[in-house]
C-alpha atoms as a PDB file:
ATOM      1  CA  MET A   1     -57.929   3.909   3.163  1.00  0.00           C
ATOM      2  CA  VAL A   2     -55.035   3.804   0.737  1.00  0.00           C
ATOM      3  CA  CYS A   3     -51.509   5.095   1.257  1.00  0.00           C
ATOM      4  CA  VAL A   4     -50.243   7.032  -1.750  1.00  0.00           C
ATOM      5  CA  ASP A   5     -46.603   7.252  -2.747  1.00  0.00           C
ATOM      6  CA  THR A   6     -44.703  10.291  -3.966  1.00  0.00           C
ATOM      7  CA  SER A   7     -45.078   9.231  -7.605  1.00  0.00           C
ATOM      8  CA  PHE A   8     -48.864   9.493  -7.338  1.00  0.00           C
ATOM      9  CA  LEU A   9     -48.737  12.810  -5.491  1.00  0.00           C
ATOM     10  CA  ILE A  10     -46.458  14.290  -8.149  1.00  0.00           C
ATOM     11  CA  SER A  11     -48.855  13.108 -10.852  1.00  0.00           C
ATOM     12  CA  LEU A  12     -51.705  14.859  -9.023  1.00  0.00           C
ATOM     13  CA  ILE A  13     -49.718  18.083  -8.720  1.00  0.00           C
ATOM     14  CA  ARG A  14     -48.990  17.886 -12.454  1.00  0.00           C
ATOM     15  CA  ARG A  15     -52.720  17.355 -13.047  1.00  0.00           C
ATOM     16  CA  GLU A  16     -52.238  14.092 -14.933  1.00  0.00           C
ATOM     17  CA  ALA A  17     -55.637  12.821 -16.024  1.00  0.00           C
ATOM     18  CA  SER A  18     -54.886   9.187 -15.141  1.00  0.00           C
ATOM     19  CA  ALA A  19     -53.960  10.114 -11.557  1.00  0.00           C
ATOM     20  CA  GLU A  20     -57.000  12.351 -11.172  1.00  0.00           C
ATOM     21  CA  LYS A  21     -59.223   9.534 -12.452  1.00  0.00           C
ATOM     22  CA  LYS A  22     -57.681   7.081  -9.954  1.00  0.00           C
ATOM     23  CA  LEU A  23     -58.209   9.568  -7.125  1.00  0.00           C
ATOM     24  CA  GLU A  24     -61.817   9.953  -8.180  1.00  0.00           C
ATOM     25  CA  THR A  25     -62.385   6.186  -7.860  1.00  0.00           C
ATOM     26  CA  TYR A  26     -61.307   6.370  -4.219  1.00  0.00           C
ATOM     27  CA  LEU A  27     -63.359   9.461  -3.471  1.00  0.00           C
ATOM     28  CA  VAL A  28     -66.514   7.979  -5.034  1.00  0.00           C
ATOM     29  CA  HIS A  29     -66.219   5.102  -2.562  1.00  0.00           C
ATOM     30  CA  ASP A  30     -65.520   7.467   0.355  1.00  0.00           C
ATOM     31  CA  GLU A  31     -62.065   5.976   0.871  1.00  0.00           C
ATOM     32  CA  ARG A  32     -59.676   8.087   2.870  1.00  0.00           C
ATOM     33  CA  ILE A  33     -56.377   8.976   1.249  1.00  0.00           C
ATOM     34  CA  ALA A  34     -53.185   8.948   3.294  1.00  0.00           C
ATOM     35  CA  THR A  35     -49.475   9.314   2.708  1.00  0.00           C
ATOM     36  CA  THR A  36     -46.302   9.015   4.741  1.00  0.00           C
ATOM     37  CA  PRO A  37     -44.091  11.677   6.286  1.00  0.00           C
ATOM     38  CA  ILE A  38     -41.360  10.498   3.895  1.00  0.00           C
ATOM     39  CA  CYS A  39     -43.514  11.196   0.838  1.00  0.00           C
ATOM     40  CA  ALA A  40     -44.382  14.622   2.244  1.00  0.00           C
ATOM     41  CA  CYS A  41     -40.657  15.331   2.720  1.00  0.00           C
ATOM     42  CA  GLU A  42     -39.918  14.271  -0.854  1.00  0.00           C
ATOM     43  CA  LEU A  43     -42.647  16.577  -2.174  1.00  0.00           C
ATOM     44  CA  PHE A  44     -41.365  19.551  -0.211  1.00  0.00           C
ATOM     45  CA  ALA A  45     -37.800  18.849  -1.345  1.00  0.00           C
ATOM     46  CA  GLY A  46     -38.952  18.976  -4.953  1.00  0.00           C
ATOM     47  CA  ALA A  47     -40.959  22.141  -4.366  1.00  0.00           C
ATOM     48  CA  TYR A  48     -38.001  23.913  -2.787  1.00  0.00           C
ATOM     49  CA  ARG A  49     -35.792  22.918  -5.753  1.00  0.00           C
ATOM     50  CA  SER A  50     -38.299  24.268  -8.255  1.00  0.00           C
ATOM     51  CA  SER A  51     -37.782  27.504 -10.168  1.00  0.00           C
ATOM     52  CA  LYS A  52     -41.432  28.218  -9.236  1.00  0.00           C
ATOM     53  CA  ARG A  53     -40.737  27.612  -5.548  1.00  0.00           C
ATOM     54  CA  ASP A  54     -43.542  29.618  -3.922  1.00  0.00           C
ATOM     55  CA  SER A  55     -46.207  28.261  -6.255  1.00  0.00           C
ATOM     56  CA  GLU A  56     -45.019  24.667  -5.865  1.00  0.00           C
ATOM     57  CA  ILE A  57     -44.847  24.932  -2.064  1.00  0.00           C
ATOM     58  CA  ARG A  58     -48.451  26.179  -2.018  1.00  0.00           C
ATOM     59  CA  LYS A  59     -49.508  23.234  -4.220  1.00  0.00           C
ATOM     60  CA  VAL A  60     -47.774  20.734  -1.930  1.00  0.00           C
ATOM     61  CA  ARG A  61     -49.288  22.273   1.206  1.00  0.00           C
ATOM     62  CA  GLY A  62     -52.735  22.294  -0.374  1.00  0.00           C
ATOM     63  CA  LEU A  63     -52.526  18.677  -1.478  1.00  0.00           C
ATOM     64  CA  LEU A  64     -51.137  17.374   1.807  1.00  0.00           C
ATOM     65  CA  SER A  65     -53.723  19.291   3.839  1.00  0.00           C
ATOM     66  CA  ARG A  66     -56.420  17.111   2.261  1.00  0.00           C
ATOM     67  CA  MET A  67     -55.023  13.782   3.375  1.00  0.00           C
ATOM     68  CA  GLU A  68     -53.998  11.923   6.469  1.00  0.00           C
ATOM     69  CA  LEU A  69     -50.299  11.681   7.311  1.00  0.00           C
ATOM     70  CA  LEU A  70     -49.649   8.183   8.650  1.00  0.00           C
ATOM     71  CA  GLU A  71     -47.611   7.940  11.831  1.00  0.00           C
ATOM     72  CA  PHE A  72     -44.030   6.679  11.601  1.00  0.00           C
ATOM     73  CA  SER A  73     -44.462   4.368  14.563  1.00  0.00           C
ATOM     74  CA  MET A  74     -42.233   1.954  16.464  1.00  0.00           C
ATOM     75  CA  ARG A  75     -43.949  -0.882  14.598  1.00  0.00           C
ATOM     76  CA  ALA A  76     -42.971   0.722  11.284  1.00  0.00           C
ATOM     77  CA  CYS A  77     -39.399   1.176  12.520  1.00  0.00           C
ATOM     78  CA  GLU A  78     -39.156  -2.490  13.391  1.00  0.00           C
ATOM     79  CA  GLY A  79     -40.707  -3.393  10.057  1.00  0.00           C
ATOM     80  CA  PHE A  80     -38.043  -1.313   8.323  1.00  0.00           C
ATOM     81  CA  GLY A  81     -35.290  -3.289  10.034  1.00  0.00           C
ATOM     82  CA  ARG A  82     -36.882  -6.623   9.163  1.00  0.00           C
ATOM     83  CA  ILE A  83     -37.588  -5.703   5.521  1.00  0.00           C
ATOM     84  CA  ARG A  84     -34.130  -4.246   4.962  1.00  0.00           C
ATOM     85  CA  GLN A  85     -32.478  -7.385   6.328  1.00  0.00           C
ATOM     86  CA  GLN A  86     -34.706  -9.638   4.188  1.00  0.00           C
ATOM     87  CA  LEU A  87     -33.960  -7.689   1.011  1.00  0.00           C
ATOM     88  CA  GLU A  88     -30.215  -7.607   1.693  1.00  0.00           C
ATOM     89  CA  ALA A  89     -30.181 -11.356   2.455  1.00  0.00           C
ATOM     90  CA  ALA A  90     -32.014 -12.018  -0.813  1.00  0.00           C
ATOM     91  CA  GLY A  91     -29.582  -9.803  -2.732  1.00  0.00           C
ATOM     92  CA  THR A  92     -32.389  -7.461  -3.789  1.00  0.00           C
ATOM     93  CA  PRO A  93     -31.838  -4.251  -1.804  1.00  0.00           C
ATOM     94  CA  ILE A  94     -33.768  -1.075  -2.519  1.00  0.00           C
ATOM     95  CA  GLY A  95     -33.436   2.458  -1.158  1.00  0.00           C
ATOM     96  CA  ASP A  96     -34.006   3.062   2.520  1.00  0.00           C
ATOM     97  CA  LEU A  97     -36.679   5.701   1.894  1.00  0.00           C
ATOM     98  CA  ASP A  98     -38.740   3.247  -0.155  1.00  0.00           C
ATOM     99  CA  ILE A  99     -38.394   0.674   2.616  1.00  0.00           C
ATOM    100  CA  ILE A 100     -39.548   3.251   5.173  1.00  0.00           C
ATOM    101  CA  ILE A 101     -42.557   4.181   3.027  1.00  0.00           C
ATOM    102  CA  ALA A 102     -43.469   0.506   2.665  1.00  0.00           C
ATOM    103  CA  SER A 103     -42.954  -0.215   6.361  1.00  0.00           C
ATOM    104  CA  ILE A 104     -45.287   2.644   7.313  1.00  0.00           C
ATOM    105  CA  ALA A 105     -47.986   1.407   4.916  1.00  0.00           C
ATOM    106  CA  LEU A 106     -47.616  -2.145   6.246  1.00  0.00           C
ATOM    107  CA  ALA A 107     -47.697  -1.010   9.883  1.00  0.00           C
ATOM    108  CA  HIS A 108     -51.031   0.680   9.188  1.00  0.00           C
ATOM    109  CA  GLY A 109     -52.379  -2.257   7.178  1.00  0.00           C
ATOM    110  CA  GLU A 110     -52.701  -0.181   4.023  1.00  0.00           C
ATOM    111  CA  SER A 111     -52.011  -0.893   0.382  1.00  0.00           C
ATOM    112  CA  LEU A 112     -49.596   1.415  -1.414  1.00  0.00           C
ATOM    113  CA  LEU A 113     -50.522   3.296  -4.573  1.00  0.00           C
ATOM    114  CA  SER A 114     -47.351   3.797  -6.603  1.00  0.00           C
ATOM    115  CA  ARG A 115     -45.864   3.531 -10.070  1.00  0.00           C
ATOM    116  CA  ASP A 116     -42.608   2.269  -8.576  1.00  0.00           C
ATOM    117  CA  THR A 117     -43.623  -1.361  -8.737  1.00  0.00           C
ATOM    118  CA  GLN A 118     -40.085  -2.489  -9.551  1.00  0.00           C
ATOM    119  CA  HIS A 119     -38.890  -1.622  -6.032  1.00  0.00           C
ATOM    120  CA  PHE A 120     -42.025  -2.068  -3.974  1.00  0.00           C
ATOM    121  CA  SER A 121     -42.867  -5.481  -5.447  1.00  0.00           C
ATOM    122  CA  LYS A 122     -39.773  -6.858  -3.691  1.00  0.00           C
ATOM    123  CA  ILE A 123     -41.336  -6.232  -0.275  1.00  0.00           C
ATOM    124  CA  PRO A 124     -43.154  -9.272   1.135  1.00  0.00           C
ATOM    125  CA  GLY A 125     -46.753  -8.667   2.157  1.00  0.00           C
ATOM    126  CA  LEU A 126     -47.062  -5.213   0.596  1.00  0.00           C
ATOM    127  CA  HIS A 127     -50.121  -4.849  -1.612  1.00  0.00           C
ATOM    128  CA  ILE A 128     -49.354  -2.445  -4.453  1.00  0.00           C
ATOM    129  CA  GLU A 129     -51.858  -0.603  -6.574  1.00  0.00           C
ATOM    130  CA  THR A 130     -51.020   1.437  -9.634  1.00  0.00           C
ATOM    131  CA  TRP A 131     -52.821   3.630 -12.132  1.00  0.00           C
END
């Protein structure tokens, strides 16, 4: 299974060929696709801001219905606290939502598929894939 970030989900909604090709590589190998509740929230926020609100909400619902939503567990919460402290101590803080996304992926033992390698690469132990 792979955990996909908001950047990948947006690329799928926009029907970007590179994202669709990456998705196909997972599906060919019967890998399950998952995301986090945070990424789902970010997608819905964008859909509700859109001038094509109803259409975008339907797209988001359709996409999310096809994947697993990883649990935001106590282990992920603790991981968030640890990662945030480590990044602050190193002088390399990133946004809390990105830390939460990473902590959920780590708690589930999943790699993260994202284009935001600048932020996520700062998180120890997180395996990042891109497309």
